[in-house]
Amino acid sequence: LHAHRHSTMLAAVPALNAFQAPRAMPVRMQMGDTAKLESPIPWMPRPAYLDGTLAGDVGLDPLNLVTKYSQGVKVTVPGMETAVRAAPEGLTSVKKVVDQKLTGVEITLGPNTDDTQRSLMWYREAEIKHARLAMLAAAGWPLSEMWHGGLSNLLGLPYALDVTQGRSLSVLNGGLGEVAPFLLLTLLGCAVVECKTLDQVYGLTATGKTMKKDGTVVMKSYVPGDCGFDPLGLYGALGANMPMMVQLQAEADPEYALRWSEYQRKQMETAEIKNGRLAMLAITGFAFQEAFWGTPVVDQTPIFFTFFGEVLAPGSFASLGLF
């Protein structure tokens, strides 16, 4: 009887557990793949410095640019050499003599470092900045061909794309002289940004954990391309949108909150660099397509650049008389 009662109680345990509320399981974040990192090209080894740490790292550097050109490329540019010496004896009216002559000055284009990690970060900095320019260009190129005529008619201004037969102004298409002042302003703006971020590029920015005035622990860090410009707050948007269980655990564990924020920011960085790489391919394709065919890219593939209302009702958009 005792054994039967004991077995009955044991059998009731699973039944009782079935009616208990399940314990909250911690939300897991896939911070990285623990499997062996493979090269995307089967017959080529994956470089050791591409260890998956950076966002969008697929292990692809077939030309070994990071190590091959870590010292940069030496280029000689014209420069002025100035020498100051005392005035010859007997010339009381002359205090000093300044000699100036044209000479070659060697400068370095590239990372200019022996540290592979710093070279890698320098190249990532260059990649992300080119990616952002390419995303702007990939959008601006077809829009200029589609909208320039309408805006010219609307504002009563001359049609600036006549020089390229309706194609965007570019190195291969020509016509950049028409917008020389704008290019100069753009160049100066880029130079200002580069000068302000030189310390960040070369790893001279202080990073690490710090505490705000309200006691919140934050991680002060720098990622390539961080220019301090995010007016819409997109960089931290994913991290701010926490599920309830993540929010509860983040409030109880500041370290968990930091890991969550770091993971979500890396997700945003991955999205940016992948879209940027696609845009670099796209803008290169635009340039060569128009140079080869001699017609605007929006005319070569009109289905991709046609307003959906015009597709549904042909002629409705043209009836406005802008084009």
Protein backbone atom coordinates (compact mmCIF):
# COMPACT_ATOMS: atom_id res chain seq x y z
CA LEU A 1 0.00 0.00 0.00
CA HIS A 2 2.86 2.36 0.84
CA ALA A 3 4.62 1.58 -2.43
CA HIS A 4 1.41 2.07 -4.37
CA ARG A 5 0.83 5.46 -2.68
CA HIS A 6 4.42 6.50 -3.43
CA SER A 7 4.13 5.56 -7.10
CA THR A 8 0.84 7.42 -7.35
CA MET A 9 2.43 10.60 -6.01
CA LEU A 10 5.32 10.33 -8.46
CA ALA A 11 2.92 9.86 -11.34
CA ALA A 12 1.08 13.01 -10.29
CA VAL A 13 4.21 15.18 -10.50
CA PRO A 14 4.17 15.57 -14.32
CA ALA A 15 0.46 16.32 -14.16
CA LEU A 16 1.03 19.06 -11.60
CA ASN A 17 3.90 20.52 -13.66
CA ALA A 18 1.64 20.65 -16.67
CA PHE A 19 -0.57 23.19 -14.87
CA GLN A 20 2.30 25.37 -13.66
CA ALA A 21 3.20 28.54 -15.56
CA PRO A 22 6.36 28.00 -17.59
CA ARG A 23 9.40 29.88 -16.42
CA ALA A 24 10.52 32.77 -18.58
CA MET A 25 13.38 31.67 -20.77
CA PRO A 26 16.07 34.22 -21.54
CA VAL A 27 15.97 35.60 -25.04
CA ARG A 28 19.01 34.36 -26.89
CA MET A 29 20.90 36.56 -29.26
CA GLN A 30 22.86 34.99 -32.06
CA MET A 31 26.00 37.00 -31.45
CA GLY A 32 27.94 35.08 -34.06
CA ASP A 33 28.33 31.72 -35.68
CA THR A 34 30.54 29.43 -33.66
CA ALA A 35 31.08 27.16 -36.65
CA LYS A 36 34.29 27.29 -38.62
CA LEU A 37 34.43 30.28 -40.92
CA GLU A 38 34.84 29.24 -44.53
CA SER A 39 35.91 31.18 -47.59
CA PRO A 40 33.11 32.04 -50.05
CA ILE A 41 35.44 30.89 -52.85
CA PRO A 42 36.11 27.13 -52.38
CA TRP A 43 39.66 27.03 -53.71
CA MET A 44 40.86 30.14 -51.85
CA PRO A 45 41.69 30.18 -48.13
CA ARG A 46 39.88 32.68 -45.91
CA PRO A 47 42.24 35.42 -44.64
CA ALA A 48 42.90 35.14 -40.91
CA TYR A 49 42.11 38.81 -40.32
CA LEU A 50 38.54 38.32 -41.61
CA ASP A 51 37.27 36.57 -38.48
CA GLY A 52 33.63 37.65 -38.66
CA THR A 53 34.02 40.53 -36.21
CA LEU A 54 33.12 43.26 -38.68
CA ALA A 55 29.58 43.65 -39.94
CA GLY A 56 29.07 42.16 -43.39
CA ASP A 57 32.28 40.12 -43.19
CA VAL A 58 31.96 37.26 -45.70
CA GLY A 59 35.68 36.46 -45.74
CA LEU A 60 36.32 37.84 -49.22
CA ASP A 61 39.60 39.61 -49.99
CA PRO A 62 40.96 37.73 -53.04
CA LEU A 63 43.59 40.41 -53.82
CA ASN A 64 44.83 40.53 -50.19
CA LEU A 65 44.60 44.31 -50.21
CA VAL A 66 44.74 44.54 -46.42
CA THR A 67 48.18 42.97 -46.15
CA LYS A 68 49.60 43.63 -49.61
CA TYR A 69 49.08 47.39 -49.44
CA SER A 70 49.19 47.93 -45.68
CA GLN A 71 52.20 50.21 -46.21
CA GLY A 72 50.22 52.22 -48.74
CA VAL A 73 51.41 53.46 -52.10
CA LYS A 74 54.19 56.02 -52.28
CA VAL A 75 53.49 58.90 -54.65
CA THR A 76 55.72 61.88 -55.45
CA VAL A 77 53.94 65.20 -55.85
CA PRO A 78 55.32 68.67 -56.63
CA GLY A 79 56.29 70.69 -53.59
CA MET A 80 58.25 73.76 -52.59
CA GLU A 81 61.48 73.46 -50.62
CA THR A 82 62.37 76.56 -48.63
CA ALA A 83 65.78 77.28 -47.14
CA VAL A 84 66.59 80.31 -44.98
CA ARG A 85 70.20 81.41 -44.43
CA ALA A 86 71.97 84.42 -43.06
CA ALA A 87 72.73 87.33 -45.36
CA PRO A 88 76.25 87.48 -46.81
CA GLU A 89 78.72 89.76 -45.07
CA GLY A 90 78.75 93.27 -46.35
CA LEU A 91 75.02 93.45 -47.11
CA THR A 92 73.76 95.54 -44.20
CA SER A 93 70.31 96.10 -45.66
CA VAL A 94 69.60 92.37 -45.99
CA LYS A 95 68.86 90.38 -42.83
CA LYS A 96 68.28 86.95 -44.34
CA VAL A 97 68.11 85.14 -47.66
CA VAL A 98 65.23 82.82 -48.51
CA ASP A 99 65.83 80.23 -51.22
CA GLN A 100 62.85 78.42 -52.72
CA LYS A 101 62.95 75.70 -55.31
CA LEU A 102 60.49 73.23 -56.76
CA THR A 103 61.07 69.68 -55.60
CA GLY A 104 59.31 66.35 -55.32
CA VAL A 105 57.60 65.47 -52.04
CA GLU A 106 56.77 61.85 -51.28
CA ILE A 107 53.36 61.17 -49.75
CA THR A 108 51.69 57.90 -48.80
CA LEU A 109 48.27 56.91 -50.07
CA GLY A 110 46.82 54.16 -47.92
CA PRO A 111 46.95 52.79 -44.36
CA ASN A 112 50.73 53.26 -43.94
CA THR A 113 50.99 50.77 -41.05
CA ASP A 114 52.51 47.40 -40.19
CA ASP A 115 49.51 46.44 -38.06
CA THR A 116 47.14 44.21 -40.02
CA GLN A 117 44.18 45.13 -37.83
CA ARG A 118 44.67 48.86 -38.32
CA SER A 119 45.07 48.31 -42.05
CA LEU A 120 41.81 46.34 -42.09
CA MET A 121 39.96 49.12 -40.27
CA TRP A 122 41.39 51.71 -42.68
CA TYR A 123 40.05 49.76 -45.65
CA ARG A 124 36.67 49.29 -43.96
CA GLU A 125 36.53 53.05 -43.38
CA ALA A 126 37.17 53.62 -47.09
CA GLU A 127 34.61 50.96 -48.05
CA ILE A 128 31.77 52.37 -45.96
CA LYS A 129 32.35 55.92 -47.18
CA HIS A 130 32.40 54.78 -50.81
CA ALA A 131 29.29 52.71 -50.11
CA ARG A 132 27.40 55.74 -48.81
CA LEU A 133 28.41 57.84 -51.80
CA ALA A 134 27.37 55.00 -54.10
CA MET A 135 23.93 54.75 -52.46
CA LEU A 136 23.39 58.47 -53.00
CA ALA A 137 24.65 58.19 -56.58
CA ALA A 138 22.58 55.10 -57.40
CA ALA A 139 19.46 57.02 -56.40
CA GLY A 140 20.49 60.39 -57.82
CA TRP A 141 21.64 59.11 -61.21
CA PRO A 142 18.27 57.91 -62.55
CA LEU A 143 16.33 60.61 -60.69
CA SER A 144 18.33 63.33 -62.42
CA GLU A 145 17.50 61.83 -65.80
CA MET A 146 13.81 61.48 -64.95
CA TRP A 147 13.18 64.73 -63.07
CA HIS A 148 15.64 67.24 -64.50
CA GLY A 149 13.52 68.01 -67.54
CA GLY A 150 10.36 68.51 -65.53
CA LEU A 151 12.06 70.68 -62.93
CA SER A 152 13.67 72.77 -65.67
CA ASN A 153 10.27 73.40 -67.26
CA LEU A 154 8.70 74.12 -63.89
CA LEU A 155 11.37 76.62 -62.80
CA GLY A 156 12.10 78.08 -66.24
CA LEU A 157 15.76 77.05 -66.15
CA PRO A 158 17.91 75.72 -69.01
CA TYR A 159 18.09 71.97 -69.57
CA ALA A 160 21.61 71.08 -68.38
CA LEU A 161 21.58 67.52 -69.76
CA ASP A 162 21.63 68.65 -73.38
CA VAL A 163 25.41 68.29 -73.37
CA THR A 164 25.07 64.53 -72.70
CA GLN A 165 21.86 63.87 -74.69
CA GLY A 166 19.81 63.32 -71.56
CA ARG A 167 22.35 61.19 -69.72
CA SER A 168 23.64 61.99 -66.25
CA LEU A 169 26.79 64.04 -66.05
CA SER A 170 29.75 61.79 -65.27
CA VAL A 171 33.39 61.10 -66.09
CA LEU A 172 32.49 58.80 -68.98
CA ASN A 173 29.48 60.79 -70.21
CA GLY A 174 31.18 64.16 -69.85
CA GLY A 175 29.57 67.44 -68.94
CA LEU A 176 31.07 67.77 -65.45
CA GLY A 177 32.26 71.24 -66.33
CA GLU A 178 28.63 72.33 -66.24
CA VAL A 179 28.51 71.71 -62.49
CA ALA A 180 32.09 72.63 -61.55
CA PRO A 181 31.11 74.95 -58.64
CA PHE A 182 28.96 72.22 -57.08
CA LEU A 183 31.78 69.67 -57.43
CA LEU A 184 34.17 72.09 -55.74
CA LEU A 185 31.82 72.56 -52.79
CA THR A 186 31.36 68.79 -52.53
CA LEU A 187 35.13 68.28 -52.53
CA LEU A 188 35.59 70.83 -49.77
CA GLY A 189 32.82 69.21 -47.71
CA CYS A 190 34.42 65.79 -48.06
CA ALA A 191 37.81 67.24 -47.07
CA VAL A 192 36.31 68.71 -43.90
CA VAL A 193 34.76 65.36 -42.93
CA GLU A 194 38.03 63.53 -43.60
CA CYS A 195 40.08 65.97 -41.52
CA LYS A 196 37.65 65.71 -38.59
CA THR A 197 37.72 61.90 -38.57
CA LEU A 198 41.44 61.27 -39.04
CA ASP A 199 41.95 60.36 -35.37
CA GLN A 200 39.06 57.90 -35.53
CA VAL A 201 40.37 56.24 -38.68
CA TYR A 202 43.78 55.63 -37.17
CA GLY A 203 42.46 54.28 -33.88
CA LEU A 204 43.23 57.30 -31.72
CA THR A 205 39.70 57.67 -30.34
CA ALA A 206 39.16 56.65 -26.71
CA THR A 207 36.72 53.77 -26.33
CA GLY A 208 35.44 51.56 -23.54
CA LYS A 209 32.75 51.40 -20.88
CA THR A 210 31.65 54.62 -19.29
CA MET A 211 28.78 55.83 -17.17
CA LYS A 212 26.36 58.63 -17.92
CA LYS A 213 25.33 61.23 -15.37
CA ASP A 214 22.15 59.29 -14.63
CA GLY A 215 24.16 56.18 -13.78
CA THR A 216 23.45 54.29 -17.00
CA VAL A 217 26.37 52.15 -18.18
CA VAL A 218 27.11 52.64 -21.86
CA MET A 219 29.80 51.41 -24.20
CA LYS A 220 31.71 54.22 -25.89
CA SER A 221 32.90 52.73 -29.12
CA TYR A 222 33.83 53.65 -32.66
CA VAL A 223 32.93 51.79 -35.79
CA PRO A 224 34.27 52.68 -39.24
CA GLY A 225 32.26 55.44 -40.85
CA ASP A 226 30.95 56.89 -37.59
CA CYS A 227 30.78 60.63 -38.34
CA GLY A 228 28.38 61.44 -35.53
CA PHE A 229 25.55 62.13 -37.99
CA ASP A 230 22.30 60.29 -37.36
CA PRO A 231 19.47 62.86 -37.21
CA LEU A 232 16.73 60.20 -37.41
CA GLY A 233 18.29 57.95 -34.76
CA LEU A 234 18.31 54.93 -37.08
CA TYR A 235 21.51 53.42 -35.69
CA GLY A 236 19.93 52.53 -32.37
CA ALA A 237 16.40 51.97 -33.67
CA LEU A 238 16.61 48.17 -33.67
CA GLY A 239 18.10 48.05 -30.20
CA ALA A 240 15.45 50.37 -28.78
CA ASN A 241 12.63 48.13 -30.02
CA MET A 242 12.92 45.47 -27.31
CA PRO A 243 10.50 42.58 -26.77
CA MET A 244 9.05 42.49 -23.26
CA MET A 245 11.27 39.65 -22.01
CA VAL A 246 14.38 41.34 -23.38
CA GLN A 247 13.39 44.61 -21.73
CA LEU A 248 12.92 42.93 -18.35
CA GLN A 249 16.25 41.17 -18.55
CA ALA A 250 18.00 44.33 -19.76
CA GLU A 251 16.65 46.27 -16.77
CA ALA A 252 17.93 43.58 -14.42
CA ASP A 253 21.30 43.12 -16.12
CA PRO A 254 23.08 46.18 -17.62
CA GLU A 255 25.64 43.88 -19.28
CA TYR A 256 22.84 42.12 -21.14
CA ALA A 257 21.51 45.49 -22.29
CA LEU A 258 24.94 46.34 -23.69
CA ARG A 259 25.16 43.02 -25.55
CA TRP A 260 21.66 43.50 -26.97
CA SER A 261 22.46 47.03 -28.15
CA GLU A 262 25.78 45.91 -29.66
CA TYR A 263 24.14 43.05 -31.54
CA GLN A 264 21.34 45.21 -32.96
CA ARG A 265 23.76 47.92 -34.01
CA LYS A 266 25.80 45.34 -35.86
CA GLN A 267 22.64 44.26 -37.64
CA MET A 268 22.12 47.84 -38.82
CA GLU A 269 25.77 48.10 -39.88
CA THR A 270 25.38 44.89 -41.87
CA ALA A 271 22.32 46.23 -43.65
CA GLU A 272 24.14 49.45 -44.53
CA ILE A 273 27.30 47.82 -45.87
CA LYS A 274 25.38 45.25 -47.93
CA ASN A 275 23.17 47.90 -49.50
CA GLY A 276 26.26 50.00 -50.11
CA ARG A 277 28.09 47.18 -51.87
CA LEU A 278 25.08 46.60 -54.09
CA ALA A 279 24.94 50.33 -54.85
CA MET A 280 28.63 50.38 -55.83
CA LEU A 281 27.95 47.64 -58.36
CA ALA A 282 24.82 49.44 -59.57
CA ILE A 283 26.46 52.82 -60.11
CA THR A 284 29.36 51.18 -61.95
CA GLY A 285 26.84 49.43 -64.17
CA PHE A 286 25.00 52.71 -64.84
CA ALA A 287 28.22 54.43 -65.93
CA PHE A 288 29.39 51.70 -68.30
CA GLN A 289 25.90 51.06 -69.71
CA GLU A 290 25.43 54.67 -70.71
CA ALA A 291 28.98 55.02 -72.03
CA PHE A 292 28.55 51.89 -74.19
CA TRP A 293 24.97 52.38 -75.45
CA GLY A 294 24.91 56.17 -75.49
CA THR A 295 21.38 56.40 -74.07
CA PRO A 296 20.07 57.17 -70.55
CA VAL A 297 19.81 54.15 -68.29
CA VAL A 298 16.17 55.01 -67.55
CA ASP A 299 15.42 54.51 -71.26
CA GLN A 300 17.31 51.21 -71.44
CA THR A 301 15.23 49.59 -68.70
CA PRO A 302 12.12 51.81 -68.44
CA ILE A 303 10.09 49.31 -66.41
CA PHE A 304 12.36 49.91 -63.39
CA PHE A 305 12.01 53.69 -63.58
CA THR A 306 8.36 54.15 -64.45
CA PHE A 307 5.86 55.50 -61.95
CA PHE A 308 3.44 52.70 -61.08
CA GLY A 309 0.50 54.98 -61.85
CA GLU A 310 1.82 55.39 -65.38
CA VAL A 311 2.05 51.61 -65.72
CA LEU A 312 -1.56 51.19 -64.63
CA ALA A 313 -2.85 54.14 -66.65
CA PRO A 314 -0.43 54.99 -69.50
CA GLY A 315 -0.39 58.68 -70.37
CA SER A 316 -1.84 59.91 -67.07
CA PHE A 317 1.46 61.23 -65.72
CA ALA A 318 2.52 62.69 -69.08
CA SER A 319 -0.75 64.63 -69.28
CA LEU A 320 0.59 66.98 -66.59
CA GLY A 321 2.81 68.54 -69.27
CA LEU A 322 6.01 68.46 -67.24
CA PHE A 323 7.87 66.11 -69.58
